């Protein structure tokens, strides 16, 4: 088993996979149907399991996302079903979800939370899991991604449609708007990781020449949805730590506009409060 894991990690490393040891072990645990912590106790693979493992390694070496191979993605305390047609949630987005959860918990009564561009439903699912008394709404434009969100969300008002024209019925009543919009500039195509560029929906990745087209639409929609004093949070690219918040500052509708770093110290998401 030790040699098998070493050879598998080397295969993924040569293919340019960013975390070869962990991915090799996660795929092995998936084949064996055990948790990572039990791998050292495993005796070995039978012939069918070895064939399945080799096939998964080949696909991962071709840079197919790990989550597509296992069919799941962990996000805070929930496990999401994911696959082709939906954006795979990233660990850094858990920080934005955590902010939304904190804001919801700080509200009196049952908070109203709206997740725009929900994708797999990751943020909406996390909010409902950790703030079960919240009234959570989510919307996704892509029918393929919407189908995945439907699998992942329970007790959430999930809609199919344009996030930046949705929820007119909630105008002026929402406590928290949260969004992980597309934010990659079109000119940055070559710099995008193969796993995202070749497998994530482009609708969830790219947003105009400067990457801020969706952010501008979000600013206007959040201003319509939120009650006075309500808050919005939105993820952005690490190079947009000034330009993304500037979208909200420029409109004059917001106060307490600030940016937040991720655990690596990179600019990651903005928050703002609708002026009364």
Protein backbone atom coordinates (compact mmCIF):
# COMPACT_ATOMS: atom_id res chain seq x y z
CA UNK A 1 0.00 0.00 0.00
CA UNK A 2 2.83 2.39 0.79
CA UNK A 3 4.44 1.81 -2.62
CA UNK A 4 1.07 2.07 -4.35
CA UNK A 5 0.36 5.43 -2.74
CA UNK A 6 3.86 6.69 -3.55
CA UNK A 7 3.60 5.69 -7.22
CA UNK A 8 0.13 7.20 -7.50
CA UNK A 9 1.29 10.52 -6.06
CA UNK A 10 4.25 10.58 -8.43
CA UNK A 11 1.94 9.99 -11.40
CA UNK A 12 -0.19 12.97 -10.40
CA UNK A 13 2.82 15.13 -9.64
CA UNK A 14 4.23 14.54 -13.12
CA UNK A 15 0.86 15.54 -14.56
CA UNK A 16 1.00 18.91 -12.77
CA UNK A 17 -1.65 18.23 -10.13
CA UNK A 18 -1.25 20.77 -7.34
CA UNK A 19 -1.75 18.37 -4.40
CA UNK A 20 -0.63 14.96 -5.69
CA UNK A 21 -0.26 13.10 -2.38
CA UNK A 22 -3.60 14.20 -1.00
CA UNK A 23 -5.46 13.60 -4.25
CA UNK A 24 -3.93 10.13 -4.61
CA UNK A 25 -4.99 9.27 -1.07
CA UNK A 26 -8.49 10.71 -1.49
CA UNK A 27 -9.05 8.65 -4.62
CA UNK A 28 -7.73 5.56 -2.87
CA UNK A 29 -10.02 6.12 0.10
CA UNK A 30 -12.91 6.62 -2.34
CA UNK A 31 -12.21 3.27 -4.03
CA UNK A 32 -11.92 1.50 -0.69
CA UNK A 33 -14.97 3.24 0.75
CA UNK A 34 -13.10 4.40 3.86
CA UNK A 35 -12.05 7.67 5.41
CA UNK A 36 -8.54 9.06 4.97
CA UNK A 37 -7.67 8.16 8.54
CA UNK A 38 -8.20 4.46 7.85
CA UNK A 39 -5.87 4.22 4.85
CA UNK A 40 -2.85 3.13 6.95
CA UNK A 41 -4.96 0.22 8.22
CA UNK A 42 -5.98 -1.00 4.76
CA UNK A 43 -4.47 -4.33 3.67
CA UNK A 44 -4.60 -3.72 -0.06
CA UNK A 45 -6.80 -3.65 -3.14
CA UNK A 46 -8.34 -6.55 -4.96
CA UNK A 47 -8.10 -6.76 -8.73
CA UNK A 48 -11.31 -4.85 -9.39
CA UNK A 49 -10.41 -2.10 -6.92
CA UNK A 50 -6.94 -1.73 -8.40
CA UNK A 51 -8.41 -1.36 -11.90
CA UNK A 52 -10.86 1.26 -10.62
CA UNK A 53 -8.07 3.15 -8.86
CA UNK A 54 -5.85 3.13 -11.95
CA UNK A 55 -8.73 4.48 -14.05
CA UNK A 56 -9.38 7.31 -11.59
CA UNK A 57 -5.69 8.21 -11.47
CA UNK A 58 -5.60 8.42 -15.26
CA UNK A 59 -8.56 10.76 -15.29
CA UNK A 60 -7.07 12.93 -12.52
CA UNK A 61 -3.77 13.03 -14.41
CA UNK A 62 -5.72 14.47 -17.34
CA UNK A 63 -6.74 17.19 -14.86
CA UNK A 64 -10.34 16.18 -14.44
CA UNK A 65 -11.42 17.73 -11.11
CA UNK A 66 -11.06 15.47 -8.11
CA UNK A 67 -14.63 16.25 -7.06
CA UNK A 68 -15.97 15.04 -10.41
CA UNK A 69 -14.25 11.71 -9.79
CA UNK A 70 -15.62 11.25 -6.28
CA UNK A 71 -18.95 12.95 -7.01
CA UNK A 72 -18.83 15.05 -3.85
CA UNK A 73 -17.32 18.25 -2.46
CA UNK A 74 -17.01 19.13 1.22
CA UNK A 75 -18.05 22.68 2.14
CA UNK A 76 -17.97 23.74 5.80
CA UNK A 77 -20.19 21.14 7.51
CA UNK A 78 -22.10 19.92 4.45
CA UNK A 79 -21.26 17.48 1.67
CA UNK A 80 -22.40 18.50 -1.78
CA UNK A 81 -23.12 16.44 -4.87
CA UNK A 82 -21.15 17.89 -7.79
CA UNK A 83 -20.16 16.91 -11.30
CA UNK A 84 -20.04 18.14 -14.90
CA UNK A 85 -22.09 21.26 -15.46
CA UNK A 86 -21.62 22.92 -12.08
CA UNK A 87 -18.88 25.04 -10.55
CA UNK A 88 -16.94 23.08 -7.93
CA UNK A 89 -16.99 25.08 -4.65
CA UNK A 90 -13.58 26.16 -3.37
CA UNK A 91 -12.40 26.15 0.24
CA UNK A 92 -11.79 29.91 0.21
CA UNK A 93 -15.51 30.52 -0.39
CA UNK A 94 -16.17 29.00 3.04
CA UNK A 95 -14.97 32.33 4.49
CA UNK A 96 -17.69 34.25 2.65
CA UNK A 97 -20.26 31.67 3.74
CA UNK A 98 -19.04 32.03 7.33
CA UNK A 99 -19.51 35.78 7.13
CA UNK A 100 -23.07 35.32 5.83
CA UNK A 101 -23.82 32.89 8.65
CA UNK A 102 -22.52 35.33 11.27
CA UNK A 103 -24.65 38.11 9.83
CA UNK A 104 -27.73 35.90 9.78
CA UNK A 105 -27.20 34.82 13.39
CA UNK A 106 -26.95 38.46 14.44
CA UNK A 107 -30.43 39.24 13.12
CA UNK A 108 -33.50 39.32 15.32
CA UNK A 109 -36.08 36.68 14.51
CA UNK A 110 -35.83 34.63 11.33
CA UNK A 111 -33.30 36.26 8.99
CA UNK A 112 -33.99 36.43 5.26
CA UNK A 113 -30.90 35.38 3.28
CA UNK A 114 -30.55 35.40 -0.51
CA UNK A 115 -27.77 33.52 -2.31
CA UNK A 116 -27.31 34.84 -5.84
CA UNK A 117 -25.41 32.71 -8.42
CA UNK A 118 -25.83 29.71 -6.11
CA UNK A 119 -24.20 27.14 -8.43
CA UNK A 120 -24.15 23.85 -6.51
CA UNK A 121 -26.01 25.55 -3.67
CA UNK A 122 -22.92 25.55 -1.45
CA UNK A 123 -23.44 28.84 0.38
CA UNK A 124 -27.20 28.43 0.69
CA UNK A 125 -26.76 24.90 2.04
CA UNK A 126 -24.17 26.05 4.59
CA UNK A 127 -26.38 28.91 5.78
CA UNK A 128 -29.42 26.65 6.18
CA UNK A 129 -27.31 24.02 7.94
CA UNK A 130 -25.87 26.43 10.50
CA UNK A 131 -28.82 28.85 10.78
CA UNK A 132 -31.77 26.45 10.47
CA UNK A 133 -34.31 29.14 11.43
CA UNK A 134 -33.23 31.33 8.49
CA UNK A 135 -35.45 31.86 5.47
CA UNK A 136 -33.03 31.06 2.65
CA UNK A 137 -33.55 31.81 -1.04
CA UNK A 138 -31.22 30.86 -3.90
CA UNK A 139 -31.15 31.31 -7.66
CA UNK A 140 -29.09 29.83 -10.50
CA UNK A 141 -29.16 30.68 -14.22
CA UNK A 142 -27.71 27.46 -15.65
CA UNK A 143 -30.22 24.58 -15.89
CA UNK A 144 -27.37 22.08 -15.44
CA UNK A 145 -26.08 23.76 -12.28
CA UNK A 146 -29.64 24.28 -11.03
CA UNK A 147 -30.18 20.52 -11.21
CA UNK A 148 -27.17 19.95 -8.92
CA UNK A 149 -28.39 22.65 -6.50
CA UNK A 150 -31.78 20.95 -6.35
CA UNK A 151 -30.03 17.78 -5.14
CA UNK A 152 -28.13 19.68 -2.45
CA UNK A 153 -30.74 22.04 -1.04
CA UNK A 154 -33.60 21.27 1.31
CA UNK A 155 -35.96 23.77 2.91
CA UNK A 156 -34.56 26.44 0.57
CA UNK A 157 -36.52 28.47 -1.99
CA UNK A 158 -34.49 27.56 -5.11
CA UNK A 159 -35.29 29.29 -8.40
CA UNK A 160 -34.04 28.98 -11.97
CA UNK A 161 -33.28 32.33 -13.56
CA UNK A 162 -31.07 35.40 -13.84
CA UNK A 163 -29.63 36.24 -10.42
CA UNK A 164 -29.58 39.95 -11.21
CA UNK A 165 -33.26 40.09 -12.08
CA UNK A 166 -34.55 37.64 -9.47
CA UNK A 167 -36.61 37.98 -6.29
CA UNK A 168 -38.57 41.13 -7.08
CA UNK A 169 -41.09 39.71 -4.60
CA UNK A 170 -38.51 40.11 -1.82
CA UNK A 171 -37.54 43.71 -2.62
CA UNK A 172 -36.70 45.70 0.50
CA UNK A 173 -37.09 42.76 2.90
CA UNK A 174 -33.79 40.86 2.76
CA UNK A 175 -31.30 40.91 5.64
CA UNK A 176 -28.29 39.30 3.92
CA UNK A 177 -27.39 39.03 0.24
CA UNK A 178 -24.43 36.79 -0.52
CA UNK A 179 -22.91 36.01 -3.90
CA UNK A 180 -19.97 34.23 -5.46
CA UNK A 181 -20.29 35.74 -8.94
CA UNK A 182 -18.14 35.14 -12.02
CA UNK A 183 -15.17 37.50 -11.73
CA UNK A 184 -12.35 36.38 -14.03
CA UNK A 185 -11.44 38.89 -16.79
CA UNK A 186 -11.72 37.44 -20.28
CA UNK A 187 -8.09 38.29 -20.94
CA UNK A 188 -7.00 36.04 -18.04
CA UNK A 189 -8.11 32.88 -19.87
CA UNK A 190 -4.61 31.40 -20.08
CA UNK A 191 -3.91 31.85 -16.38
CA UNK A 192 -6.91 29.84 -15.20
CA UNK A 193 -6.14 26.38 -13.77
CA UNK A 194 -6.84 23.56 -16.20
CA UNK A 195 -9.38 21.96 -13.86
CA UNK A 196 -11.47 25.16 -13.85
CA UNK A 197 -10.91 26.30 -17.43
CA UNK A 198 -11.74 22.94 -19.00
CA UNK A 199 -14.39 21.65 -16.62
CA UNK A 200 -16.14 24.46 -14.72
CA UNK A 201 -18.94 26.24 -16.64
CA UNK A 202 -17.58 29.40 -18.25
CA UNK A 203 -20.78 31.13 -17.15
CA UNK A 204 -19.48 30.78 -13.58
CA UNK A 205 -15.96 31.99 -14.36
CA UNK A 206 -15.71 34.92 -16.75
CA UNK A 207 -17.24 38.38 -16.40
CA UNK A 208 -16.24 40.89 -19.05
CA UNK A 209 -12.98 42.61 -19.85
CA UNK A 210 -12.20 43.62 -16.27
CA UNK A 211 -14.00 40.77 -14.49
CA UNK A 212 -16.43 43.15 -12.78
CA UNK A 213 -19.50 43.07 -15.04
CA UNK A 214 -21.34 40.74 -12.63
CA UNK A 215 -20.21 42.80 -9.61
CA UNK A 216 -21.85 45.90 -11.07
CA UNK A 217 -25.10 44.01 -11.60
CA UNK A 218 -24.87 42.60 -8.08
CA UNK A 219 -24.49 46.06 -6.56
CA UNK A 220 -27.75 47.23 -8.15
CA UNK A 221 -29.70 44.05 -7.35
CA UNK A 222 -28.51 43.93 -3.72
CA UNK A 223 -29.55 47.56 -3.25
CA UNK A 224 -33.06 46.66 -4.42
CA UNK A 225 -33.39 43.48 -2.34
CA UNK A 226 -31.97 44.57 1.01
CA UNK A 227 -33.83 46.34 3.75
CA UNK A 228 -32.16 49.57 4.91
CA UNK A 229 -29.16 48.50 6.97
CA UNK A 230 -29.04 45.07 5.33
CA UNK A 231 -25.68 43.67 4.25
CA UNK A 232 -24.14 42.18 1.12
CA UNK A 233 -21.03 40.02 0.71
CA UNK A 234 -19.39 39.02 -2.56
CA UNK A 235 -16.29 37.06 -3.51
CA UNK A 236 -13.83 38.47 -6.05
CA UNK A 237 -10.42 37.77 -7.56
CA UNK A 238 -7.36 38.45 -5.43
CA UNK A 239 -6.34 41.29 -7.76
CA UNK A 240 -9.71 43.02 -7.29
CA UNK A 241 -9.23 43.98 -3.65
CA UNK A 242 -9.59 47.65 -4.57
CA UNK A 243 -11.58 47.61 -7.79
CA UNK A 244 -14.43 45.40 -6.54
CA UNK A 245 -15.21 47.47 -3.40
CA UNK A 246 -14.92 50.59 -5.57
CA UNK A 247 -18.01 49.45 -7.47
CA UNK A 248 -20.03 49.78 -4.26
CA UNK A 249 -18.37 53.00 -3.13
CA UNK A 250 -19.02 54.68 -6.49
CA UNK A 251 -22.79 54.14 -6.34
CA UNK A 252 -23.12 56.12 -3.10
CA UNK A 253 -25.72 53.68 -1.76
CA UNK A 254 -23.48 51.89 0.74
CA UNK A 255 -21.60 52.41 3.97
CA UNK A 256 -19.03 50.28 5.78
CA UNK A 257 -17.63 49.05 2.45
CA UNK A 258 -14.61 46.93 3.26
CA UNK A 259 -12.53 44.13 1.85
CA UNK A 260 -11.49 40.89 3.56
CA UNK A 261 -8.46 38.64 3.05
CA UNK A 262 -8.43 34.86 2.92
CA UNK A 263 -6.24 32.67 5.13
CA UNK A 264 -3.32 33.18 2.76
CA UNK A 265 -3.58 36.95 3.12
CA UNK A 266 -5.02 37.50 -0.37
CA UNK A 267 -7.93 39.85 -0.98
CA UNK A 268 -10.96 37.55 -1.27
CA UNK A 269 -14.37 39.13 -0.63
CA UNK A 270 -16.04 42.46 0.04
CA UNK A 271 -18.88 43.39 2.35
CA UNK A 272 -21.08 46.49 2.53
CA UNK A 273 -24.16 47.77 4.36
CA UNK A 274 -27.04 49.48 2.61
CA UNK A 275 -27.33 53.06 3.83
CA UNK A 276 -30.51 53.92 5.67
